Amino acid sequence: MITIQKATATHVEGIVKVCTEGNRATYKDIYTQEYLDRITEEFYNPERVLSEVSTSTRDWGGYFVALER
């Protein structure tokens, strides 16, 4: 059974991994590796993702995760 829930600090490592791999797979033929590395560092670093799972606003609902139970 798969459940969907709002992400917490325990999910940060997985979010970083999925977002990084997805971004690279999607854009590898469009952008340079250097650019992809820069984007990964800026948007998918553990500190930023932790901040984003720790807060939500009207404009940012946060991350959600699908968990197999």
C-alpha atoms as a PDB file:
ATOM      1  CA  MET A   1       0.000   0.000   0.000  1.00  0.00           C
ATOM      2  CA  ILE A   2       1.291   3.462  -0.862  1.00  0.00           C
ATOM      3  CA  THR A   3       0.494   6.468   1.287  1.00  0.00           C
ATOM      4  CA  ILE A   4       1.059  10.124   0.491  1.00  0.00           C
ATOM      5  CA  GLN A   5       2.116  12.439   3.291  1.00  0.00           C
ATOM      6  CA  LYS A   6       3.736  15.789   3.855  1.00  0.00           C
ATOM      7  CA  ALA A   7       7.507  15.410   3.948  1.00  0.00           C
ATOM      8  CA  THR A   8       9.451  15.771   7.185  1.00  0.00           C
ATOM      9  CA  ALA A   9      13.123  16.114   8.045  1.00  0.00           C
ATOM     10  CA  THR A  10      13.493  12.337   7.813  1.00  0.00           C
ATOM     11  CA  HIS A  11      12.696  12.517   4.089  1.00  0.00           C
ATOM     12  CA  VAL A  12      15.283  15.141   3.124  1.00  0.00           C
ATOM     13  CA  GLU A  13      17.920  12.693   1.878  1.00  0.00           C
ATOM     14  CA  GLY A  14      15.419  10.920  -0.366  1.00  0.00           C
ATOM     15  CA  ILE A  15      14.001  14.179  -1.728  1.00  0.00           C
ATOM     16  CA  VAL A  16      17.492  15.424  -2.577  1.00  0.00           C
ATOM     17  CA  LYS A  17      18.272  12.131  -4.342  1.00  0.00           C
ATOM     18  CA  VAL A  18      15.047  12.001  -6.366  1.00  0.00           C
ATOM     19  CA  CYS A  19      15.141  15.672  -7.358  1.00  0.00           C
ATOM     20  CA  THR A  20      18.819  15.570  -8.305  1.00  0.00           C
ATOM     21  CA  GLU A  21      18.519  12.406 -10.376  1.00  0.00           C
ATOM     22  CA  GLY A  22      15.288  13.566 -12.009  1.00  0.00           C
ATOM     23  CA  ASN A  23      16.717  16.952 -12.917  1.00  0.00           C
ATOM     24  CA  ARG A  24      19.859  15.450 -14.414  1.00  0.00           C
ATOM     25  CA  ALA A  25      17.967  12.792 -16.356  1.00  0.00           C
ATOM     26  CA  THR A  26      15.516  15.341 -17.721  1.00  0.00           C
ATOM     27  CA  TYR A  27      18.001  18.015 -18.745  1.00  0.00           C
ATOM     28  CA  LYS A  28      21.253  16.123 -19.494  1.00  0.00           C
ATOM     29  CA  ASP A  29      20.875  16.563 -23.247  1.00  0.00           C
ATOM     30  CA  ILE A  30      19.937  20.242 -22.990  1.00  0.00           C
ATOM     31  CA  TYR A  31      22.339  21.777 -20.442  1.00  0.00           C
ATOM     32  CA  THR A  32      25.995  21.314 -19.582  1.00  0.00           C
ATOM     33  CA  GLN A  33      27.023  19.180 -16.630  1.00  0.00           C
ATOM     34  CA  GLU A  34      28.455  22.301 -15.007  1.00  0.00           C
ATOM     35  CA  TYR A  35      25.098  24.070 -15.190  1.00  0.00           C
ATOM     36  CA  LEU A  36      23.251  21.026 -13.825  1.00  0.00           C
ATOM     37  CA  ASP A  37      25.727  20.811 -10.943  1.00  0.00           C
ATOM     38  CA  ARG A  38      25.106  24.488 -10.137  1.00  0.00           C
ATOM     39  CA  ILE A  39      21.333  24.061 -10.184  1.00  0.00           C
ATOM     40  CA  THR A  40      21.577  20.945  -8.037  1.00  0.00           C
ATOM     41  CA  GLU A  41      23.717  22.744  -5.474  1.00  0.00           C
ATOM     42  CA  GLU A  42      21.419  25.753  -5.380  1.00  0.00           C
ATOM     43  CA  PHE A  43      18.020  24.080  -5.274  1.00  0.00           C
ATOM     44  CA  TYR A  44      18.535  20.506  -4.080  1.00  0.00           C
ATOM     45  CA  ASN A  45      21.073  20.826  -1.291  1.00  0.00           C
ATOM     46  CA  PRO A  46      20.083  19.224   2.026  1.00  0.00           C
ATOM     47  CA  GLU A  47      19.977  22.513   3.950  1.00  0.00           C
ATOM     48  CA  ARG A  48      17.555  24.136   1.513  1.00  0.00           C
ATOM     49  CA  VAL A  49      15.338  21.068   1.270  1.00  0.00           C
ATOM     50  CA  LEU A  50      15.270  20.806   5.074  1.00  0.00           C
ATOM     51  CA  SER A  51      14.158  24.424   5.253  1.00  0.00           C
ATOM     52  CA  GLU A  52      11.481  23.761   2.650  1.00  0.00           C
ATOM     53  CA  VAL A  53      10.086  20.704   4.444  1.00  0.00           C
ATOM     54  CA  SER A  54      10.097  22.570   7.747  1.00  0.00           C
ATOM     55  CA  THR A  55       7.938  25.474   6.600  1.00  0.00           C
ATOM     56  CA  SER A  56       4.998  26.033   4.335  1.00  0.00           C
ATOM     57  CA  THR A  57       3.202  29.160   3.243  1.00  0.00           C
ATOM     58  CA  ARG A  58       0.236  30.047   1.137  1.00  0.00           C
ATOM     59  CA  ASP A  59       2.554  30.103  -1.877  1.00  0.00           C
ATOM     60  CA  TRP A  60       4.637  27.031  -0.970  1.00  0.00           C
ATOM     61  CA  GLY A  61       2.859  23.938   0.238  1.00  0.00           C
ATOM     62  CA  GLY A  62       6.068  22.017   0.808  1.00  0.00           C
ATOM     63  CA  TYR A  63       7.167  18.620  -0.399  1.00  0.00           C
ATOM     64  CA  PHE A  64       5.026  15.499  -0.270  1.00  0.00           C
ATOM     65  CA  VAL A  65       6.315  11.935  -0.370  1.00  0.00           C
ATOM     66  CA  ALA A  66       4.848   8.633  -1.499  1.00  0.00           C
ATOM     67  CA  LEU A  67       5.699   5.886   0.950  1.00  0.00           C
ATOM     68  CA  GLU A  68       5.228   2.185   0.496  1.00  0.00           C
ATOM     69  CA  ARG A  69       4.016   0.558   3.685  1.00  0.00           C
END
